[in-house]
């Protein structure tokens, strides 16, 4: 379990306006936020790899994916 303390009155007020005192809704919104940040970070890494010529040929990826998911 992870507990997070918010020391920003404006942010705390915004959260209360959006979610009231529903801690589960706040936790869900935070989880969504973290997932979106992770996805953006992964996309950034992928773009850097692509620009560096480290991309895998699509045909190879599709063949491997097909083989792994056939059974």
PDB file of N, CA and C in Angstrom:
ATOM      1  N   UNK A   1       0.844  -1.172   0.000  1.00  0.00           N
ATOM      2  CA  UNK A   1       0.000   0.000   0.000  1.00  0.00           C
ATOM      3  C   UNK A   1       0.890   1.236   0.000  1.00  0.00           C
ATOM      4  N   UNK A   2       0.470   2.212  -0.731  1.00  0.00           N
ATOM      5  CA  UNK A   2       1.202   3.463  -0.832  1.00  0.00           C
ATOM      6  C   UNK A   2       0.290   4.602  -0.388  1.00  0.00           C
ATOM      7  N   UNK A   3       0.764   5.401   0.546  1.00  0.00           N
ATOM      8  CA  UNK A   3       0.011   6.577   0.996  1.00  0.00           C
ATOM      9  C   UNK A   3       0.689   7.816   0.455  1.00  0.00           C
ATOM     10  N   UNK A   4      -0.091   8.722  -0.068  1.00  0.00           N
ATOM     11  CA  UNK A   4       0.436   9.954  -0.641  1.00  0.00           C
ATOM     12  C   UNK A   4      -0.182  11.130   0.102  1.00  0.00           C
ATOM     13  N   UNK A   5       0.669  12.041   0.515  1.00  0.00           N
ATOM     14  CA  UNK A   5       0.204  13.238   1.196  1.00  0.00           C
ATOM     15  C   UNK A   5       0.275  14.405   0.218  1.00  0.00           C
ATOM     16  N   UNK A   6      -0.779  15.186   0.150  1.00  0.00           N
ATOM     17  CA  UNK A   6      -0.822  16.348  -0.740  1.00  0.00           C
ATOM     18  C   UNK A   6      -0.633  17.599   0.101  1.00  0.00           C
ATOM     19  N   UNK A   7       0.425  18.330  -0.197  1.00  0.00           N
ATOM     20  CA  UNK A   7       0.731  19.569   0.530  1.00  0.00           C
ATOM     21  C   UNK A   7       0.516  20.790  -0.360  1.00  0.00           C
ATOM     22  N   UNK A   8      -0.511  20.726  -1.181  1.00  0.00           N
ATOM     23  CA  UNK A   8      -0.823  21.817  -2.093  1.00  0.00           C
ATOM     24  C   UNK A   8      -2.312  22.128  -1.938  1.00  0.00           C
ATOM     25  N   UNK A   9      -2.647  23.213  -1.230  1.00  0.00           N
ATOM     26  CA  UNK A   9      -4.060  23.520  -0.973  1.00  0.00           C
ATOM     27  C   UNK A   9      -4.900  23.659  -2.248  1.00  0.00           C
ATOM     28  N   UNK A  10      -4.332  24.231  -3.301  1.00  0.00           N
ATOM     29  CA  UNK A  10      -5.092  24.382  -4.551  1.00  0.00           C
ATOM     30  C   UNK A  10      -5.409  23.032  -5.169  1.00  0.00           C
ATOM     31  N   UNK A  11      -4.416  22.154  -5.207  1.00  0.00           N
ATOM     32  CA  UNK A  11      -4.624  20.818  -5.753  1.00  0.00           C
ATOM     33  C   UNK A  11      -5.620  20.032  -4.901  1.00  0.00           C
ATOM     34  N   UNK A  12      -5.495  20.143  -3.610  1.00  0.00           N
ATOM     35  CA  UNK A  12      -6.413  19.453  -2.710  1.00  0.00           C
ATOM     36  C   UNK A  12      -7.853  19.936  -2.932  1.00  0.00           C
ATOM     37  N   UNK A  13      -8.027  21.239  -3.086  1.00  0.00           N
ATOM     38  CA  UNK A  13      -9.364  21.786  -3.333  1.00  0.00           C
ATOM     39  C   UNK A  13      -9.918  21.311  -4.672  1.00  0.00           C
ATOM     40  N   UNK A  14      -9.070  21.274  -5.695  1.00  0.00           N
ATOM     41  CA  UNK A  14      -9.507  20.773  -7.007  1.00  0.00           C
ATOM     42  C   UNK A  14      -9.954  19.322  -6.914  1.00  0.00           C
ATOM     43  N   UNK A  15      -9.185  18.514  -6.192  1.00  0.00           N
ATOM     44  CA  UNK A  15      -9.566  17.110  -6.021  1.00  0.00           C
ATOM     45  C   UNK A  15     -10.901  16.985  -5.297  1.00  0.00           C
ATOM     46  N   UNK A  16     -11.102  17.786  -4.275  1.00  0.00           N
ATOM     47  CA  UNK A  16     -12.366  17.744  -3.542  1.00  0.00           C
ATOM     48  C   UNK A  16     -13.536  18.158  -4.428  1.00  0.00           C
ATOM     49  N   UNK A  17     -13.313  19.161  -5.286  1.00  0.00           N
ATOM     50  CA  UNK A  17     -14.382  19.596  -6.187  1.00  0.00           C
ATOM     51  C   UNK A  17     -14.718  18.507  -7.195  1.00  0.00           C
ATOM     52  N   UNK A  18     -13.700  17.833  -7.697  1.00  0.00           N
ATOM     53  CA  UNK A  18     -13.924  16.798  -8.709  1.00  0.00           C
ATOM     54  C   UNK A  18     -14.460  15.499  -8.125  1.00  0.00           C
ATOM     55  N   UNK A  19     -13.932  15.083  -6.979  1.00  0.00           N
ATOM     56  CA  UNK A  19     -14.217  13.751  -6.457  1.00  0.00           C
ATOM     57  C   UNK A  19     -14.868  13.738  -5.080  1.00  0.00           C
ATOM     58  N   UNK A  20     -15.072  14.912  -4.501  1.00  0.00           N
ATOM     59  CA  UNK A  20     -15.624  14.940  -3.144  1.00  0.00           C
ATOM     60  C   UNK A  20     -14.641  14.300  -2.185  1.00  0.00           C
ATOM     61  N   UNK A  21     -15.148  13.515  -1.265  1.00  0.00           N
ATOM     62  CA  UNK A  21     -14.279  12.804  -0.324  1.00  0.00           C
ATOM     63  C   UNK A  21     -14.169  11.320  -0.664  1.00  0.00           C
ATOM     64  N   UNK A  22     -14.495  10.967  -1.899  1.00  0.00           N
ATOM     65  CA  UNK A  22     -14.456   9.575  -2.332  1.00  0.00           C
ATOM     66  C   UNK A  22     -13.010   9.179  -2.628  1.00  0.00           C
ATOM     67  N   UNK A  23     -12.390   8.540  -1.650  1.00  0.00           N
ATOM     68  CA  UNK A  23     -10.981   8.177  -1.774  1.00  0.00           C
ATOM     69  C   UNK A  23     -10.734   7.191  -2.907  1.00  0.00           C
ATOM     70  N   UNK A  24     -11.684   6.305  -3.165  1.00  0.00           N
ATOM     71  CA  UNK A  24     -11.504   5.328  -4.244  1.00  0.00           C
ATOM     72  C   UNK A  24     -11.496   6.017  -5.608  1.00  0.00           C
ATOM     73  N   UNK A  25     -12.352   7.008  -5.787  1.00  0.00           N
ATOM     74  CA  UNK A  25     -12.358   7.759  -7.054  1.00  0.00           C
ATOM     75  C   UNK A  25     -11.051   8.511  -7.241  1.00  0.00           C
ATOM     76  N   UNK A  26     -10.536   9.082  -6.178  1.00  0.00           N
ATOM     77  CA  UNK A  26      -9.254   9.791  -6.259  1.00  0.00           C
ATOM     78  C   UNK A  26      -8.143   8.802  -6.588  1.00  0.00           C
ATOM     79  N   UNK A  27      -8.154   7.640  -5.951  1.00  0.00           N
ATOM     80  CA  UNK A  27      -7.140   6.619  -6.220  1.00  0.00           C
ATOM     81  C   UNK A  27      -7.212   6.149  -7.666  1.00  0.00           C
ATOM     82  N   UNK A  28      -8.426   5.954  -8.184  1.00  0.00           N
ATOM     83  CA  UNK A  28      -8.598   5.531  -9.580  1.00  0.00           C
ATOM     84  C   UNK A  28      -8.089   6.594 -10.541  1.00  0.00           C
ATOM     85  N   UNK A  29      -8.391   7.851 -10.256  1.00  0.00           N
ATOM     86  CA  UNK A  29      -7.926   8.943 -11.114  1.00  0.00           C
ATOM     87  C   UNK A  29      -6.399   9.028 -11.100  1.00  0.00           C
ATOM     88  N   UNK A  30      -5.814   8.836  -9.936  1.00  0.00           N
ATOM     89  CA  UNK A  30      -4.359   8.856  -9.829  1.00  0.00           C
ATOM     90  C   UNK A  30      -3.751   7.690 -10.608  1.00  0.00           C
ATOM     91  N   UNK A  31      -4.335   6.510 -10.504  1.00  0.00           N
ATOM     92  CA  UNK A  31      -3.843   5.350 -11.244  1.00  0.00           C
ATOM     93  C   UNK A  31      -3.916   5.611 -12.752  1.00  0.00           C
ATOM     94  N   UNK A  32      -5.015   6.198 -13.220  1.00  0.00           N
ATOM     95  CA  UNK A  32      -5.142   6.547 -14.639  1.00  0.00           C
ATOM     96  C   UNK A  32      -4.055   7.529 -15.055  1.00  0.00           C
ATOM     97  N   UNK A  33      -3.812   8.519 -14.212  1.00  0.00           N
ATOM     98  CA  UNK A  33      -2.779   9.518 -14.484  1.00  0.00           C
ATOM     99  C   UNK A  33      -1.406   8.858 -14.627  1.00  0.00           C
ATOM    100  N   UNK A  34      -1.080   7.966 -13.700  1.00  0.00           N
ATOM    101  CA  UNK A  34       0.217   7.289 -13.726  1.00  0.00           C
ATOM    102  C   UNK A  34       0.334   6.420 -14.977  1.00  0.00           C
ATOM    103  N   UNK A  35      -0.724   5.717 -15.340  1.00  0.00           N
ATOM    104  CA  UNK A  35      -0.707   4.880 -16.540  1.00  0.00           C
ATOM    105  C   UNK A  35      -0.482   5.731 -17.787  1.00  0.00           C
ATOM    106  N   UNK A  36      -1.149   6.867 -17.873  1.00  0.00           N
ATOM    107  CA  UNK A  36      -0.974   7.744 -19.028  1.00  0.00           C
ATOM    108  C   UNK A  36       0.454   8.265 -19.110  1.00  0.00           C
ATOM    109  N   UNK A  37       1.042   8.625 -17.975  1.00  0.00           N
ATOM    110  CA  UNK A  37       2.431   9.087 -17.951  1.00  0.00           C
ATOM    111  C   UNK A  37       3.381   7.988 -18.412  1.00  0.00           C
ATOM    112  N   UNK A  38       3.118   6.750 -17.980  1.00  0.00           N
ATOM    113  CA  UNK A  38       3.956   5.620 -18.362  1.00  0.00           C
ATOM    114  C   UNK A  38       3.849   5.371 -19.865  1.00  0.00           C
ATOM    115  N   UNK A  39       2.651   5.438 -20.393  1.00  0.00           N
ATOM    116  CA  UNK A  39       2.453   5.237 -21.828  1.00  0.00           C
ATOM    117  C   UNK A  39       3.193   6.317 -22.615  1.00  0.00           C
ATOM    118  N   UNK A  40       3.088   7.574 -22.186  1.00  0.00           N
ATOM    119  CA  UNK A  40       3.804   8.662 -22.866  1.00  0.00           C
ATOM    120  C   UNK A  40       5.306   8.442 -22.813  1.00  0.00           C
ATOM    121  N   UNK A  41       5.785   7.987 -21.662  1.00  0.00           N
ATOM    122  CA  UNK A  41       7.215   7.716 -21.520  1.00  0.00           C
ATOM    123  C   UNK A  41       7.638   6.578 -22.456  1.00  0.00           C
ATOM    124  N   UNK A  42       6.854   5.513 -22.523  1.00  0.00           N
ATOM    125  CA  UNK A  42       7.163   4.390 -23.409  1.00  0.00           C
ATOM    126  C   UNK A  42       7.166   4.820 -24.874  1.00  0.00           C
ATOM    127  N   UNK A  43       6.218   5.662 -25.249  1.00  0.00           N
ATOM    128  CA  UNK A  43       6.170   6.159 -26.629  1.00  0.00           C
ATOM    129  C   UNK A  43       7.407   6.994 -26.921  1.00  0.00           C
ATOM    130  N   UNK A  44       7.809   7.838 -25.968  1.00  0.00           N
ATOM    131  CA  UNK A  44       9.020   8.642 -26.145  1.00  0.00           C
ATOM    132  C   UNK A  44      10.256   7.781 -26.344  1.00  0.00           C
ATOM    133  N   UNK A  45      10.362   6.709 -25.558  1.00  0.00           N
ATOM    134  CA  UNK A  45      11.488   5.787 -25.704  1.00  0.00           C
ATOM    135  C   UNK A  45      11.445   5.122 -27.072  1.00  0.00           C
ATOM    136  N   UNK A  46      10.265   4.705 -27.493  1.00  0.00           N
ATOM    137  CA  UNK A  46      10.118   4.062 -28.801  1.00  0.00           C
ATOM    138  C   UNK A  46      10.510   4.997 -29.941  1.00  0.00           C
ATOM    139  N   UNK A  47      10.111   6.248 -29.835  1.00  0.00           N
ATOM    140  CA  UNK A  47      10.469   7.226 -30.869  1.00  0.00           C
ATOM    141  C   UNK A  47      11.984   7.412 -30.915  1.00  0.00           C
ATOM    142  N   UNK A  48      12.610   7.496 -29.760  1.00  0.00           N
ATOM    143  CA  UNK A  48      14.072   7.634 -29.708  1.00  0.00           C
ATOM    144  C   UNK A  48      14.761   6.427 -30.327  1.00  0.00           C
ATOM    145  N   UNK A  49      14.248   5.238 -30.033  1.00  0.00           N
ATOM    146  CA  UNK A  49      14.821   4.025 -30.607  1.00  0.00           C
ATOM    147  C   UNK A  49      14.634   4.000 -32.113  1.00  0.00           C
ATOM    148  N   UNK A  50      13.480   4.418 -32.575  1.00  0.00           N
ATOM    149  CA  UNK A  50      13.217   4.467 -34.011  1.00  0.00           C
ATOM    150  C   UNK A  50      14.170   5.435 -34.696  1.00  0.00           C
ATOM    151  N   UNK A  51      14.340   6.614 -34.114  1.00  0.00           N
ATOM    152  CA  UNK A  51      15.241   7.613 -34.692  1.00  0.00           C
ATOM    153  C   UNK A  51      16.700   7.154 -34.679  1.00  0.00           C
ATOM    154  N   UNK A  52      17.049   6.282 -33.731  1.00  0.00           N
ATOM    155  CA  UNK A  52      18.422   5.770 -33.640  1.00  0.00           C
ATOM    156  C   UNK A  52      18.628   4.543 -34.528  1.00  0.00           C
ATOM    157  N   UNK A  53      17.598   4.173 -35.276  1.00  0.00           N
ATOM    158  CA  UNK A  53      17.717   3.022 -36.170  1.00  0.00           C
ATOM    159  C   UNK A  53      17.611   1.692 -35.454  1.00  0.00           C
ATOM    160  N   UNK A  54      17.010   1.690 -34.279  1.00  0.00           N
ATOM    161  CA  UNK A  54      16.904   0.468 -33.484  1.00  0.00           C
ATOM    162  C   UNK A  54      15.553  -0.220 -33.643  1.00  0.00           C
ATOM    163  N   UNK A  55      14.793   0.170 -34.640  1.00  0.00           N
ATOM    164  CA  UNK A  55      13.464  -0.407 -34.839  1.00  0.00           C
ATOM    165  C   UNK A  55      13.579  -1.820 -35.401  1.00  0.00           C
ATOM    166  N   UNK A  56      12.608  -2.644 -35.046  1.00  0.00           N
ATOM    167  CA  UNK A  56      12.540  -3.995 -35.589  1.00  0.00           C
ATOM    168  C   UNK A  56      11.648  -3.977 -36.822  1.00  0.00           C
ATOM    169  N   UNK A  57      11.986  -4.769 -37.832  1.00  0.00           N
ATOM    170  CA  UNK A  57      11.120  -4.837 -39.015  1.00  0.00           C
ATOM    171  C   UNK A  57       9.729  -5.345 -38.634  1.00  0.00           C
ATOM    172  N   UNK A  58       8.700  -4.690 -39.129  1.00  0.00           N
ATOM    173  CA  UNK A  58       7.323  -5.033 -38.791  1.00  0.00           C
ATOM    174  C   UNK A  58       7.017  -6.493 -39.114  1.00  0.00           C
ATOM    175  N   UNK A  59       7.495  -6.978 -40.229  1.00  0.00           N
ATOM    176  CA  UNK A  59       7.216  -8.360 -40.625  1.00  0.00           C
ATOM    177  C   UNK A  59       7.761  -9.348 -39.578  1.00  0.00           C
ATOM    178  N   UNK A  60       8.950  -9.085 -39.052  1.00  0.00           N
ATOM    179  CA  UNK A  60       9.523  -9.960 -38.022  1.00  0.00           C
ATOM    180  C   UNK A  60       8.674  -9.931 -36.748  1.00  0.00           C
ATOM    181  N   UNK A  61       8.247  -8.758 -36.354  1.00  0.00           N
ATOM    182  CA  UNK A  61       7.421  -8.618 -35.151  1.00  0.00           C
ATOM    183  C   UNK A  61       6.098  -9.354 -35.320  1.00  0.00           C
ATOM    184  N   UNK A  62       5.480  -9.199 -36.476  1.00  0.00           N
ATOM    185  CA  UNK A  62       4.188  -9.848 -36.715  1.00  0.00           C
ATOM    186  C   UNK A  62       4.338 -11.364 -36.730  1.00  0.00           C
ATOM    187  N   UNK A  63       5.400 -11.883 -37.344  1.00  0.00           N
ATOM    188  CA  UNK A  63       5.632 -13.334 -37.350  1.00  0.00           C
ATOM    189  C   UNK A  63       5.792 -13.857 -35.926  1.00  0.00           C
ATOM    190  N   UNK A  64       6.612 -13.183 -35.137  1.00  0.00           N
ATOM    191  CA  UNK A  64       6.850 -13.614 -33.759  1.00  0.00           C
ATOM    192  C   UNK A  64       5.561 -13.560 -32.948  1.00  0.00           C
ATOM    193  N   UNK A  65       4.794 -12.489 -33.111  1.00  0.00           N
ATOM    194  CA  UNK A  65       3.529 -12.343 -32.390  1.00  0.00           C
ATOM    195  C   UNK A  65       2.564 -13.445 -32.785  1.00  0.00           C
ATOM    196  N   UNK A  66       2.510 -13.746 -34.069  1.00  0.00           N
ATOM    197  CA  UNK A  66       1.612 -14.806 -34.557  1.00  0.00           C
ATOM    198  C   UNK A  66       2.011 -16.155 -33.967  1.00  0.00           C
ATOM    199  N   UNK A  67       3.309 -16.463 -33.977  1.00  0.00           N
ATOM    200  CA  UNK A  67       3.785 -17.739 -33.434  1.00  0.00           C
ATOM    201  C   UNK A  67       3.486 -17.854 -31.936  1.00  0.00           C
ATOM    202  N   UNK A  68       3.680 -16.763 -31.202  1.00  0.00           N
ATOM    203  CA  UNK A  68       3.455 -16.802 -29.753  1.00  0.00           C
ATOM    204  C   UNK A  68       1.981 -16.930 -29.389  1.00  0.00           C
ATOM    205  N   UNK A  69       1.093 -16.497 -30.259  1.00  0.00           N
ATOM    206  CA  UNK A  69      -0.336 -16.482 -29.927  1.00  0.00           C
ATOM    207  C   UNK A  69      -1.152 -17.525 -30.669  1.00  0.00           C
ATOM    208  N   UNK A  70      -0.492 -18.403 -31.423  1.00  0.00           N
ATOM    209  CA  UNK A  70      -1.213 -19.427 -32.179  1.00  0.00           C
ATOM    210  C   UNK A  70      -1.888 -20.449 -31.288  1.00  0.00           C
ATOM    211  N   UNK A  71      -1.240 -20.833 -30.241  1.00  0.00           N
ATOM    212  CA  UNK A  71      -1.808 -21.921 -29.421  1.00  0.00           C
ATOM    213  C   UNK A  71      -2.607 -21.437 -28.256  1.00  0.00           C
TER     214      UNK A  71
END
